[in-house]
Amino acid sequence: MAEDHRLEDAEVPEEAEGSSETAEEDKRFSWYVVNSFSGYEKRVQKFLEGPLSRKYPDRVGEVLIPTQEVTSNVRGRKTSRKKRLYPGYVFVQLDLNQEMIMDIRAMSNVSGFPPMNQGNPEPLSREEIGRLKGQAEGSDKAKVVRVPYSVGQTVRVIEGPFNNFTGVVESINPERGRVRVIFTIFGRKAPVEIDFSQVRPV
């Protein structure tokens, strides 16, 4: 346990803020979802890119916190800000082993790996991570879709990193084809924006 404490508290250099570089085609690596406490995503990113990467050289790749630039008009002035697409979740490329799993789960600002933090973490597919990156880069085109559910209705996720999760619809954005769903994970509420095609009414 002392090892875990030193790993977490080790000082992280400033350059750890950016994503680490790795060979995208390296077949040893897979993408995983790490569930962080909301608001601590950057701290978890620094841990993954700093202490964890140094303890396991060549086993930690890119770390992604998907964001999208949101522009709003306030009193005639345009303002823009970066909005996290998946608050409370960090996506990381790993050549994973059991010791790494324990180190990540032991971090104070991490709940573990969804769903339910049980067993070995399931990697994301190429399609899923491609979709995440596309959303972060703003490549998803705006669309209008008929909405088969309403605010306050219970829905179930049918694909993606939150597959089989059940939550309640908080808001709907027909123009973007996305729905904001509130999940209850480990006793706390976690809002997540999901594409219409990934959700079905219960």
N, C-alpha and C. Protein backbone atom coordinates (compact mmCIF):
# COMPACT_ATOMS: atom_id res chain seq x y z
N MET A 1 0.82 -1.20 0.00
CA MET A 1 0.00 0.00 0.00
C MET A 1 0.86 1.25 0.00
N ALA A 2 2.04 1.18 0.66
CA ALA A 2 2.94 2.33 0.67
C ALA A 2 3.36 2.70 -0.73
N GLU A 3 3.53 1.68 -1.57
CA GLU A 3 3.91 1.92 -2.96
C GLU A 3 2.86 2.74 -3.67
N ASP A 4 1.55 2.40 -3.44
CA ASP A 4 0.46 3.11 -4.08
C ASP A 4 0.45 4.57 -3.67
N HIS A 5 0.72 4.84 -2.35
CA HIS A 5 0.69 6.20 -1.84
C HIS A 5 1.79 7.03 -2.48
N ARG A 6 2.98 6.45 -2.60
CA ARG A 6 4.09 7.18 -3.22
C ARG A 6 3.80 7.43 -4.70
N LEU A 7 3.18 6.47 -5.32
CA LEU A 7 2.86 6.59 -6.74
C LEU A 7 1.91 7.75 -6.97
N GLU A 8 0.90 7.85 -6.14
CA GLU A 8 -0.11 8.89 -6.33
C GLU A 8 0.43 10.27 -6.02
N ASP A 9 1.24 10.40 -4.95
CA ASP A 9 1.68 11.71 -4.49
C ASP A 9 2.92 12.21 -5.19
N ALA A 10 3.54 11.39 -6.05
CA ALA A 10 4.75 11.82 -6.73
C ALA A 10 4.50 13.08 -7.52
N GLU A 11 5.47 13.99 -7.53
CA GLU A 11 5.32 15.25 -8.24
C GLU A 11 5.27 15.01 -9.73
N VAL A 12 4.34 15.71 -10.42
CA VAL A 12 4.17 15.54 -11.85
C VAL A 12 4.69 16.76 -12.55
N PRO A 13 5.59 16.62 -13.54
CA PRO A 13 6.10 17.77 -14.25
C PRO A 13 5.01 18.45 -15.05
N GLU A 14 5.18 19.77 -15.34
CA GLU A 14 4.17 20.55 -16.03
C GLU A 14 3.83 19.98 -17.39
N GLU A 15 4.83 19.45 -18.11
CA GLU A 15 4.56 18.98 -19.45
C GLU A 15 3.61 17.79 -19.48
N ALA A 16 3.30 17.21 -18.31
CA ALA A 16 2.36 16.09 -18.27
C ALA A 16 0.95 16.54 -18.61
N GLU A 17 0.69 17.86 -18.71
CA GLU A 17 -0.63 18.38 -19.02
C GLU A 17 -1.13 17.88 -20.37
N GLY A 18 -0.25 17.76 -21.35
CA GLY A 18 -0.64 17.33 -22.69
C GLY A 18 -0.68 15.82 -22.78
N SER A 19 -1.25 15.32 -23.88
CA SER A 19 -1.34 13.88 -24.08
C SER A 19 0.03 13.30 -24.40
N SER A 20 0.32 12.14 -23.86
CA SER A 20 1.58 11.48 -24.16
C SER A 20 1.49 10.86 -25.54
N GLU A 21 2.63 10.73 -26.18
CA GLU A 21 2.65 10.20 -27.53
C GLU A 21 2.86 8.68 -27.49
N THR A 22 2.17 7.99 -28.39
CA THR A 22 2.36 6.56 -28.50
C THR A 22 2.07 6.14 -29.93
N ALA A 23 2.57 5.00 -30.35
CA ALA A 23 2.30 4.52 -31.70
C ALA A 23 0.86 4.04 -31.77
N GLU A 24 0.04 4.73 -32.58
CA GLU A 24 -1.38 4.42 -32.66
C GLU A 24 -1.61 2.99 -33.14
N GLU A 25 -0.70 2.46 -33.92
CA GLU A 25 -0.89 1.14 -34.48
C GLU A 25 -0.32 0.03 -33.60
N ASP A 26 0.27 0.38 -32.45
CA ASP A 26 0.85 -0.63 -31.56
C ASP A 26 -0.28 -1.50 -31.02
N LYS A 27 -0.28 -2.76 -31.38
CA LYS A 27 -1.38 -3.65 -31.02
C LYS A 27 -1.38 -4.04 -29.54
N ARG A 28 -0.32 -3.68 -28.81
CA ARG A 28 -0.32 -3.98 -27.38
C ARG A 28 -1.31 -3.10 -26.64
N PHE A 29 -1.62 -1.93 -27.20
CA PHE A 29 -2.44 -0.95 -26.50
C PHE A 29 -3.92 -1.11 -26.82
N SER A 30 -4.74 -0.89 -25.79
CA SER A 30 -6.19 -0.80 -25.96
C SER A 30 -6.67 0.42 -25.18
N TRP A 31 -7.85 0.91 -25.55
CA TRP A 31 -8.44 2.07 -24.86
C TRP A 31 -9.36 1.60 -23.73
N TYR A 32 -9.25 2.27 -22.57
CA TYR A 32 -10.09 1.94 -21.42
C TYR A 32 -10.72 3.22 -20.85
N VAL A 33 -11.84 3.02 -20.14
CA VAL A 33 -12.51 4.12 -19.46
C VAL A 33 -12.15 4.08 -17.98
N VAL A 34 -11.67 5.20 -17.44
CA VAL A 34 -11.40 5.32 -16.00
C VAL A 34 -12.42 6.29 -15.43
N ASN A 35 -13.12 5.85 -14.38
CA ASN A 35 -14.16 6.66 -13.74
C ASN A 35 -13.53 7.53 -12.64
N SER A 36 -13.46 8.84 -12.88
CA SER A 36 -12.89 9.76 -11.89
C SER A 36 -14.02 10.49 -11.16
N PHE A 37 -13.69 11.12 -10.03
CA PHE A 37 -14.65 12.00 -9.40
C PHE A 37 -14.82 13.22 -10.29
N SER A 38 -16.06 13.70 -10.45
CA SER A 38 -16.32 14.84 -11.31
C SER A 38 -15.53 16.07 -10.84
N GLY A 39 -14.84 16.71 -11.79
CA GLY A 39 -14.01 17.86 -11.45
C GLY A 39 -12.55 17.50 -11.24
N TYR A 40 -12.25 16.20 -11.16
CA TYR A 40 -10.87 15.75 -10.94
C TYR A 40 -10.28 15.08 -12.18
N GLU A 41 -10.91 15.28 -13.34
CA GLU A 41 -10.45 14.61 -14.55
C GLU A 41 -9.00 14.97 -14.88
N LYS A 42 -8.66 16.26 -14.78
CA LYS A 42 -7.30 16.69 -15.10
C LYS A 42 -6.28 16.09 -14.14
N ARG A 43 -6.66 15.99 -12.87
CA ARG A 43 -5.75 15.41 -11.88
C ARG A 43 -5.50 13.93 -12.18
N VAL A 44 -6.56 13.25 -12.59
CA VAL A 44 -6.41 11.84 -12.95
C VAL A 44 -5.55 11.72 -14.21
N GLN A 45 -5.75 12.63 -15.16
CA GLN A 45 -4.92 12.62 -16.37
C GLN A 45 -3.44 12.78 -16.02
N LYS A 46 -3.13 13.70 -15.11
CA LYS A 46 -1.74 13.91 -14.72
C LYS A 46 -1.15 12.67 -14.03
N PHE A 47 -1.98 11.99 -13.23
CA PHE A 47 -1.53 10.76 -12.58
C PHE A 47 -1.20 9.68 -13.61
N LEU A 48 -2.08 9.54 -14.59
CA LEU A 48 -1.87 8.51 -15.61
C LEU A 48 -0.64 8.81 -16.46
N GLU A 49 -0.48 10.07 -16.84
CA GLU A 49 0.64 10.46 -17.70
C GLU A 49 1.95 10.62 -16.95
N GLY A 50 1.86 10.83 -15.61
CA GLY A 50 3.06 11.05 -14.82
C GLY A 50 3.50 9.81 -14.05
N PRO A 51 3.08 9.68 -12.77
CA PRO A 51 3.53 8.56 -11.94
C PRO A 51 3.27 7.18 -12.53
N LEU A 52 2.08 6.97 -13.09
CA LEU A 52 1.78 5.64 -13.64
C LEU A 52 2.66 5.34 -14.85
N SER A 53 2.82 6.34 -15.72
CA SER A 53 3.65 6.15 -16.92
C SER A 53 5.10 5.89 -16.56
N ARG A 54 5.60 6.55 -15.51
CA ARG A 54 6.99 6.34 -15.10
C ARG A 54 7.19 4.97 -14.45
N LYS A 55 6.16 4.50 -13.72
CA LYS A 55 6.27 3.19 -13.08
C LYS A 55 6.19 2.07 -14.11
N TYR A 56 5.42 2.31 -15.18
CA TYR A 56 5.26 1.29 -16.22
C TYR A 56 5.68 1.88 -17.57
N PRO A 57 6.99 2.00 -17.82
CA PRO A 57 7.46 2.60 -19.08
C PRO A 57 6.92 1.84 -20.28
N ASP A 58 6.50 2.59 -21.28
CA ASP A 58 6.02 2.04 -22.56
C ASP A 58 4.71 1.26 -22.42
N ARG A 59 3.99 1.44 -21.32
CA ARG A 59 2.70 0.74 -21.17
C ARG A 59 1.53 1.72 -21.07
N VAL A 60 1.82 3.04 -21.03
CA VAL A 60 0.77 4.06 -20.98
C VAL A 60 0.87 4.91 -22.24
N GLY A 61 -0.23 5.00 -22.99
CA GLY A 61 -0.23 5.77 -24.22
C GLY A 61 -0.94 7.09 -24.06
N GLU A 62 -1.83 7.39 -24.99
CA GLU A 62 -2.55 8.66 -25.00
C GLU A 62 -3.61 8.69 -23.91
N VAL A 63 -3.80 9.87 -23.31
CA VAL A 63 -4.87 10.07 -22.33
C VAL A 63 -5.81 11.13 -22.89
N LEU A 64 -7.10 10.84 -22.89
CA LEU A 64 -8.07 11.71 -23.55
C LEU A 64 -9.19 12.11 -22.61
N ILE A 65 -9.42 13.43 -22.51
CA ILE A 65 -10.61 13.97 -21.84
C ILE A 65 -11.39 14.69 -22.94
N PRO A 66 -12.38 14.02 -23.54
CA PRO A 66 -13.08 14.63 -24.69
C PRO A 66 -13.78 15.93 -24.31
N THR A 67 -13.48 16.99 -25.07
CA THR A 67 -14.12 18.29 -24.86
C THR A 67 -14.64 18.80 -26.20
N GLN A 68 -15.56 19.73 -26.12
CA GLN A 68 -16.10 20.36 -27.31
C GLN A 68 -16.23 21.85 -27.04
N GLU A 69 -15.88 22.67 -28.04
CA GLU A 69 -15.97 24.11 -27.87
C GLU A 69 -17.41 24.55 -28.01
N VAL A 70 -17.90 25.27 -26.99
CA VAL A 70 -19.28 25.74 -26.98
C VAL A 70 -19.27 27.26 -27.08
N THR A 71 -19.98 27.79 -28.06
CA THR A 71 -20.05 29.24 -28.26
C THR A 71 -21.42 29.73 -27.83
N SER A 72 -21.44 30.81 -27.05
CA SER A 72 -22.71 31.39 -26.61
C SER A 72 -22.68 32.90 -26.81
N ASN A 73 -23.86 33.49 -26.90
CA ASN A 73 -23.99 34.93 -27.11
C ASN A 73 -24.57 35.55 -25.85
N VAL A 74 -23.75 36.32 -25.13
CA VAL A 74 -24.19 36.95 -23.89
C VAL A 74 -24.14 38.46 -24.07
N ARG A 75 -25.31 39.09 -24.06
CA ARG A 75 -25.43 40.55 -24.21
C ARG A 75 -24.70 41.06 -25.44
N GLY A 76 -24.90 40.34 -26.52
CA GLY A 76 -24.31 40.77 -27.78
C GLY A 76 -22.85 40.40 -27.98
N ARG A 77 -22.26 39.75 -27.02
CA ARG A 77 -20.85 39.34 -27.13
C ARG A 77 -20.75 37.83 -27.21
N LYS A 78 -19.96 37.36 -28.18
CA LYS A 78 -19.76 35.92 -28.33
C LYS A 78 -18.66 35.44 -27.39
N THR A 79 -18.96 34.40 -26.65
CA THR A 79 -17.96 33.79 -25.78
C THR A 79 -17.88 32.30 -26.10
N SER A 80 -16.71 31.73 -25.94
CA SER A 80 -16.55 30.30 -26.18
C SER A 80 -15.82 29.66 -25.01
N ARG A 81 -16.15 28.43 -24.75
CA ARG A 81 -15.50 27.69 -23.67
C ARG A 81 -15.46 26.22 -24.05
N LYS A 82 -14.55 25.50 -23.42
CA LYS A 82 -14.46 24.06 -23.66
C LYS A 82 -15.33 23.33 -22.64
N LYS A 83 -16.19 22.49 -23.13
CA LYS A 83 -17.10 21.73 -22.28
C LYS A 83 -16.74 20.25 -22.33
N ARG A 84 -16.63 19.62 -21.17
CA ARG A 84 -16.35 18.18 -21.14
C ARG A 84 -17.57 17.42 -21.61
N LEU A 85 -17.34 16.51 -22.55
CA LEU A 85 -18.44 15.71 -23.08
C LEU A 85 -18.87 14.61 -22.11
N TYR A 86 -17.91 14.09 -21.33
CA TYR A 86 -18.20 12.99 -20.40
C TYR A 86 -17.64 13.34 -19.02
N PRO A 87 -18.31 14.22 -18.27
CA PRO A 87 -17.80 14.59 -16.93
C PRO A 87 -17.63 13.35 -16.06
N GLY A 88 -16.48 13.25 -15.39
CA GLY A 88 -16.23 12.12 -14.50
C GLY A 88 -15.60 10.93 -15.18
N TYR A 89 -15.21 11.08 -16.47
CA TYR A 89 -14.61 9.95 -17.17
C TYR A 89 -13.37 10.38 -17.94
N VAL A 90 -12.33 9.55 -17.83
CA VAL A 90 -11.07 9.77 -18.54
C VAL A 90 -10.79 8.54 -19.38
N PHE A 91 -10.37 8.75 -20.61
CA PHE A 91 -10.10 7.64 -21.53
C PHE A 91 -8.60 7.53 -21.73
N VAL A 92 -8.07 6.31 -21.57
CA VAL A 92 -6.62 6.14 -21.59
C VAL A 92 -6.24 4.90 -22.39
N GLN A 93 -5.14 5.01 -23.10
CA GLN A 93 -4.62 3.92 -23.92
C GLN A 93 -3.56 3.19 -23.10
N LEU A 94 -3.80 1.90 -22.83
CA LEU A 94 -2.93 1.15 -21.93
C LEU A 94 -2.55 -0.22 -22.50
N ASP A 95 -1.35 -0.65 -22.14
CA ASP A 95 -0.97 -2.06 -22.26
C ASP A 95 -1.14 -2.60 -20.84
N LEU A 96 -2.36 -3.00 -20.52
CA LEU A 96 -2.80 -3.20 -19.14
C LEU A 96 -2.35 -4.53 -18.56
N ASN A 97 -1.97 -4.49 -17.25
CA ASN A 97 -1.74 -5.72 -16.50
C ASN A 97 -2.41 -5.57 -15.13
N GLN A 98 -2.41 -6.64 -14.33
CA GLN A 98 -3.14 -6.64 -13.07
C GLN A 98 -2.61 -5.62 -12.08
N GLU A 99 -1.29 -5.42 -12.05
CA GLU A 99 -0.72 -4.46 -11.11
C GLU A 99 -1.15 -3.04 -11.46
N MET A 100 -1.21 -2.72 -12.75
CA MET A 100 -1.68 -1.40 -13.18
C MET A 100 -3.14 -1.18 -12.78
N ILE A 101 -3.96 -2.22 -12.94
CA ILE A 101 -5.37 -2.12 -12.55
C ILE A 101 -5.48 -1.75 -11.07
N MET A 102 -4.69 -2.40 -10.22
CA MET A 102 -4.74 -2.13 -8.78
C MET A 102 -4.27 -0.72 -8.47
N ASP A 103 -3.21 -0.26 -9.16
CA ASP A 103 -2.69 1.09 -8.92
C ASP A 103 -3.72 2.15 -9.31
N ILE A 104 -4.41 1.96 -10.43
CA ILE A 104 -5.42 2.93 -10.87
C ILE A 104 -6.61 2.93 -9.92
N ARG A 105 -7.06 1.74 -9.51
CA ARG A 105 -8.19 1.65 -8.59
C ARG A 105 -7.86 2.23 -7.21
N ALA A 106 -6.57 2.21 -6.85
CA ALA A 106 -6.16 2.69 -5.52
C ALA A 106 -6.06 4.21 -5.46
N MET A 107 -6.10 4.89 -6.58
CA MET A 107 -5.97 6.35 -6.57
C MET A 107 -7.19 6.99 -5.90
N SER A 108 -6.94 8.02 -5.09
CA SER A 108 -8.01 8.60 -4.26
C SER A 108 -9.11 9.27 -5.06
N ASN A 109 -8.81 9.78 -6.27
CA ASN A 109 -9.81 10.49 -7.06
C ASN A 109 -10.44 9.61 -8.15
N VAL A 110 -10.28 8.30 -8.02
CA VAL A 110 -10.80 7.37 -9.02
C VAL A 110 -11.76 6.38 -8.38
N SER A 111 -12.91 6.16 -9.05
CA SER A 111 -13.86 5.14 -8.58
C SER A 111 -13.56 3.78 -9.16
N GLY A 112 -12.78 3.75 -10.25
CA GLY A 112 -12.43 2.47 -10.86
C GLY A 112 -12.73 2.47 -12.35
N PHE A 113 -13.08 1.29 -12.84
CA PHE A 113 -13.39 1.10 -14.25
C PHE A 113 -14.87 0.73 -14.37
N PRO A 114 -15.67 1.46 -15.16
CA PRO A 114 -17.06 1.05 -15.34
C PRO A 114 -17.13 -0.15 -16.28
N PRO A 115 -18.22 -0.95 -16.25
CA PRO A 115 -19.33 -0.77 -15.31
C PRO A 115 -19.10 -1.49 -14.00
N MET A 116 -19.46 -0.83 -12.93
CA MET A 116 -19.48 -1.39 -11.58
C MET A 116 -18.12 -1.79 -11.02
N ASN A 117 -17.02 -1.47 -11.72
CA ASN A 117 -15.67 -1.68 -11.18
C ASN A 117 -15.43 -3.12 -10.75
N GLN A 118 -15.96 -4.09 -11.49
CA GLN A 118 -15.78 -5.50 -11.14
C GLN A 118 -15.07 -6.24 -12.26
N GLY A 119 -14.25 -7.21 -11.89
CA GLY A 119 -13.55 -8.01 -12.88
C GLY A 119 -12.51 -7.20 -13.64
N ASN A 120 -12.05 -7.74 -14.76
CA ASN A 120 -11.08 -7.03 -15.59
C ASN A 120 -11.78 -5.98 -16.44
N PRO A 121 -11.18 -4.80 -16.57
CA PRO A 121 -11.78 -3.74 -17.39
C PRO A 121 -11.93 -4.20 -18.84
N GLU A 122 -13.04 -3.78 -19.47
CA GLU A 122 -13.29 -4.12 -20.87
C GLU A 122 -12.78 -2.98 -21.75
N PRO A 123 -11.95 -3.29 -22.75
CA PRO A 123 -11.46 -2.23 -23.64
C PRO A 123 -12.55 -1.74 -24.58
N LEU A 124 -12.39 -0.50 -25.03
CA LEU A 124 -13.30 0.07 -26.02
C LEU A 124 -12.93 -0.45 -27.41
N SER A 125 -13.90 -0.47 -28.30
CA SER A 125 -13.64 -0.86 -29.68
C SER A 125 -13.05 0.34 -30.44
N ARG A 126 -12.48 0.06 -31.61
CA ARG A 126 -11.95 1.14 -32.47
C ARG A 126 -13.07 2.11 -32.84
N GLU A 127 -14.27 1.58 -33.09
CA GLU A 127 -15.39 2.43 -33.47
C GLU A 127 -15.77 3.37 -32.33
N GLU A 128 -15.78 2.84 -31.11
CA GLU A 128 -16.17 3.66 -29.96
C GLU A 128 -15.17 4.78 -29.71
N ILE A 129 -13.87 4.48 -29.72
CA ILE A 129 -12.89 5.52 -29.47
C ILE A 129 -12.83 6.50 -30.65
N GLY A 130 -13.09 6.00 -31.86
CA GLY A 130 -13.14 6.88 -33.02
C GLY A 130 -14.28 7.88 -32.91
N ARG A 131 -15.42 7.41 -32.39
CA ARG A 131 -16.57 8.28 -32.20
C ARG A 131 -16.26 9.33 -31.13
N LEU A 132 -15.61 8.92 -30.05
CA LEU A 132 -15.25 9.86 -28.99
C LEU A 132 -14.33 10.95 -29.51
N LYS A 133 -13.32 10.56 -30.27
CA LYS A 133 -12.39 11.53 -30.82
C LYS A 133 -13.09 12.45 -31.81
N GLY A 134 -14.01 11.90 -32.57
CA GLY A 134 -14.76 12.70 -33.52
C GLY A 134 -15.60 13.75 -32.84
N GLN A 135 -16.23 13.38 -31.72
CA GLN A 135 -17.02 14.33 -30.95
C GLN A 135 -16.14 15.43 -30.39
N ALA A 136 -14.96 15.05 -29.89
CA ALA A 136 -14.05 16.03 -29.29
C ALA A 136 -13.55 17.01 -30.34
N GLU A 137 -13.37 16.54 -31.57
CA GLU A 137 -12.88 17.42 -32.63
C GLU A 137 -14.00 18.16 -33.33
N GLY A 138 -15.24 17.88 -32.93
CA GLY A 138 -16.37 18.57 -33.53
C GLY A 138 -16.73 18.06 -34.91
N SER A 139 -16.35 16.81 -35.22
CA SER A 139 -16.60 16.29 -36.56
C SER A 139 -17.99 15.70 -36.70
N ASP A 140 -18.69 15.50 -35.57
CA ASP A 140 -20.06 15.02 -35.67
C ASP A 140 -20.94 16.12 -36.25
N LYS A 141 -21.65 15.84 -37.31
CA LYS A 141 -22.47 16.87 -37.94
C LYS A 141 -23.79 17.02 -37.19
N ALA A 142 -24.27 18.27 -37.17
CA ALA A 142 -25.55 18.53 -36.53
C ALA A 142 -26.65 17.77 -37.26
N LYS A 143 -27.63 17.28 -36.52
CA LYS A 143 -28.68 16.50 -37.14
C LYS A 143 -29.97 16.65 -36.36
N VAL A 144 -31.07 16.46 -37.02
CA VAL A 144 -32.37 16.51 -36.37
C VAL A 144 -32.98 15.12 -36.46
N VAL A 145 -33.29 14.56 -35.30
CA VAL A 145 -33.79 13.18 -35.24
C VAL A 145 -35.08 13.17 -34.44
N ARG A 146 -36.03 12.34 -34.87
CA ARG A 146 -37.26 12.19 -34.09
C ARG A 146 -36.91 11.55 -32.75
N VAL A 147 -37.39 12.16 -31.67
CA VAL A 147 -37.02 11.72 -30.33
C VAL A 147 -38.07 10.75 -29.78
N PRO A 148 -37.68 9.49 -29.50
CA PRO A 148 -38.65 8.50 -29.04
C PRO A 148 -38.83 8.48 -27.52
N TYR A 149 -38.32 9.47 -26.80
CA TYR A 149 -38.44 9.52 -25.35
C TYR A 149 -38.51 10.98 -24.92
N SER A 150 -38.75 11.21 -23.63
CA SER A 150 -38.94 12.57 -23.13
C SER A 150 -38.14 12.79 -21.85
N VAL A 151 -38.01 14.05 -21.45
CA VAL A 151 -37.30 14.39 -20.22
C VAL A 151 -37.98 13.71 -19.03
N GLY A 152 -37.16 13.11 -18.16
CA GLY A 152 -37.69 12.41 -17.00
C GLY A 152 -37.93 10.93 -17.22
N GLN A 153 -37.83 10.49 -18.49
CA GLN A 153 -38.07 9.07 -18.80
C GLN A 153 -36.81 8.25 -18.55
N THR A 154 -37.00 7.00 -18.15
CA THR A 154 -35.88 6.08 -17.94
C THR A 154 -35.48 5.44 -19.26
N VAL A 155 -34.17 5.44 -19.53
CA VAL A 155 -33.66 4.86 -20.77
C VAL A 155 -32.49 3.94 -20.46
N ARG A 156 -32.18 3.08 -21.43
CA ARG A 156 -31.05 2.16 -21.30
C ARG A 156 -30.09 2.36 -22.47
N VAL A 157 -28.79 2.37 -22.17
CA VAL A 157 -27.76 2.51 -23.20
C VAL A 157 -27.56 1.15 -23.86
N ILE A 158 -27.53 1.13 -25.20
CA ILE A 158 -27.45 -0.14 -25.92
C ILE A 158 -26.09 -0.36 -26.58
N GLU A 159 -25.21 0.65 -26.56
CA GLU A 159 -23.86 0.46 -27.12
C GLU A 159 -22.93 1.53 -26.57
N GLY A 160 -21.62 1.31 -26.74
CA GLY A 160 -20.63 2.26 -26.26
C GLY A 160 -20.10 1.90 -24.89
N PRO A 161 -19.27 2.78 -24.31
CA PRO A 161 -18.64 2.49 -23.02
C PRO A 161 -19.62 2.36 -21.86
N PHE A 162 -20.85 2.88 -22.02
CA PHE A 162 -21.85 2.80 -20.95
C PHE A 162 -22.95 1.81 -21.29
N ASN A 163 -22.62 0.83 -22.14
CA ASN A 163 -23.59 -0.18 -22.56
C ASN A 163 -24.25 -0.85 -21.37
N ASN A 164 -25.59 -0.98 -21.44
CA ASN A 164 -26.44 -1.61 -20.41
C ASN A 164 -26.64 -0.75 -19.16
N PHE A 165 -26.10 0.46 -19.14
CA PHE A 165 -26.39 1.38 -18.04
C PHE A 165 -27.82 1.90 -18.21
N THR A 166 -28.52 2.08 -17.11
CA THR A 166 -29.87 2.65 -17.12
C THR A 166 -29.84 3.98 -16.39
N GLY A 167 -30.50 5.00 -16.99
CA GLY A 167 -30.52 6.31 -16.36
C GLY A 167 -31.77 7.08 -16.73
N VAL A 168 -31.84 8.33 -16.27
CA VAL A 168 -33.01 9.17 -16.49
C VAL A 168 -32.63 10.34 -17.40
N VAL A 169 -33.46 10.60 -18.39
CA VAL A 169 -33.21 11.69 -19.34
C VAL A 169 -33.34 13.04 -18.63
N GLU A 170 -32.29 13.84 -18.68
CA GLU A 170 -32.31 15.18 -18.07
C GLU A 170 -32.65 16.25 -19.11
N SER A 171 -32.08 16.12 -20.32
CA SER A 171 -32.35 17.09 -21.38
C SER A 171 -32.12 16.44 -22.73
N ILE A 172 -32.72 17.03 -23.77
CA ILE A 172 -32.64 16.50 -25.13
C ILE A 172 -32.22 17.62 -26.08
N ASN A 173 -31.29 17.32 -26.97
CA ASN A 173 -30.84 18.29 -27.96
C ASN A 173 -31.07 17.71 -29.37
N PRO A 174 -32.25 17.97 -29.97
CA PRO A 174 -32.56 17.38 -31.28
C PRO A 174 -31.61 17.84 -32.38
N GLU A 175 -31.16 19.11 -32.30
CA GLU A 175 -30.28 19.64 -33.34
C GLU A 175 -28.96 18.86 -33.41
N ARG A 176 -28.43 18.51 -32.26
CA ARG A 176 -27.16 17.78 -32.20
C ARG A 176 -27.38 16.27 -32.17
N GLY A 177 -28.64 15.85 -32.02
CA GLY A 177 -28.91 14.42 -31.96
C GLY A 177 -28.35 13.77 -30.72
N ARG A 178 -28.38 14.51 -29.60
CA ARG A 178 -27.79 13.98 -28.37
C ARG A 178 -28.74 14.16 -27.20
N VAL A 179 -28.61 13.27 -26.22
CA VAL A 179 -29.45 13.31 -25.03
C VAL A 179 -28.54 13.29 -23.80
N ARG A 180 -28.91 14.04 -22.79
CA ARG A 180 -28.16 14.07 -21.52
C ARG A 180 -28.87 13.16 -20.52
N VAL A 181 -28.15 12.13 -20.09
CA VAL A 181 -28.73 11.12 -19.20
C VAL A 181 -28.01 11.15 -17.85
N ILE A 182 -28.78 11.05 -16.78
CA ILE A 182 -28.21 10.99 -15.43
C ILE A 182 -28.14 9.54 -14.99
N PHE A 183 -26.91 9.04 -14.80
CA PHE A 183 -26.71 7.71 -14.25
C PHE A 183 -26.43 7.81 -12.75
N THR A 184 -26.76 6.78 -12.01
CA THR A 184 -26.36 6.68 -10.61
C THR A 184 -25.30 5.60 -10.51
N ILE A 185 -24.05 6.04 -10.27
CA ILE A 185 -22.91 5.11 -10.23
C ILE A 185 -22.23 5.24 -8.88
N PHE A 186 -22.11 4.14 -8.17
CA PHE A 186 -21.50 4.12 -6.84
C PHE A 186 -22.18 5.13 -5.91
N GLY A 187 -23.50 5.24 -6.03
CA GLY A 187 -24.26 6.10 -5.12
C GLY A 187 -24.23 7.58 -5.45
N ARG A 188 -23.63 7.96 -6.58
CA ARG A 188 -23.61 9.38 -6.93
C ARG A 188 -24.13 9.56 -8.35
N LYS A 189 -24.65 10.75 -8.63
CA LYS A 189 -25.22 11.02 -9.94
C LYS A 189 -24.14 11.46 -10.91
N ALA A 190 -24.15 10.90 -12.12
CA ALA A 190 -23.16 11.22 -13.14
C ALA A 190 -23.88 11.55 -14.45
N PRO A 191 -23.89 12.84 -14.86
CA PRO A 191 -24.53 13.21 -16.12
C PRO A 191 -23.62 12.91 -17.31
N VAL A 192 -24.17 12.32 -18.35
CA VAL A 192 -23.39 11.96 -19.54
C VAL A 192 -24.21 12.30 -20.79
N GLU A 193 -23.56 12.90 -21.78
CA GLU A 193 -24.22 13.16 -23.06
C GLU A 193 -23.99 11.98 -23.99
N ILE A 194 -25.07 11.49 -24.61
CA ILE A 194 -25.00 10.30 -25.45
C ILE A 194 -25.76 10.54 -26.74
N ASP A 195 -25.30 9.92 -27.82
CA ASP A 195 -25.99 10.01 -29.09
C ASP A 195 -27.34 9.30 -29.04
N PHE A 196 -28.35 9.87 -29.73
CA PHE A 196 -29.69 9.26 -29.75
C PHE A 196 -29.64 7.78 -30.10
N SER A 197 -28.78 7.41 -31.04
CA SER A 197 -28.75 6.03 -31.53
C SER A 197 -28.27 5.03 -30.48
N GLN A 198 -27.66 5.54 -29.38
CA GLN A 198 -27.12 4.65 -28.35
C GLN A 198 -28.07 4.42 -27.20
N VAL A 199 -29.28 5.01 -27.27
CA VAL A 199 -30.21 4.96 -26.13
C VAL A 199 -31.57 4.45 -26.57
N ARG A 200 -32.19 3.63 -25.73
CA ARG A 200 -33.55 3.13 -25.98
C ARG A 200 -34.39 3.31 -24.72
N PRO A 201 -35.70 3.61 -24.88
CA PRO A 201 -36.58 3.69 -23.70
C PRO A 201 -36.67 2.34 -23.01
N VAL A 202 -36.81 2.37 -21.70
CA VAL A 202 -36.97 1.12 -20.93
C VAL A 202 -38.44 0.74 -20.89
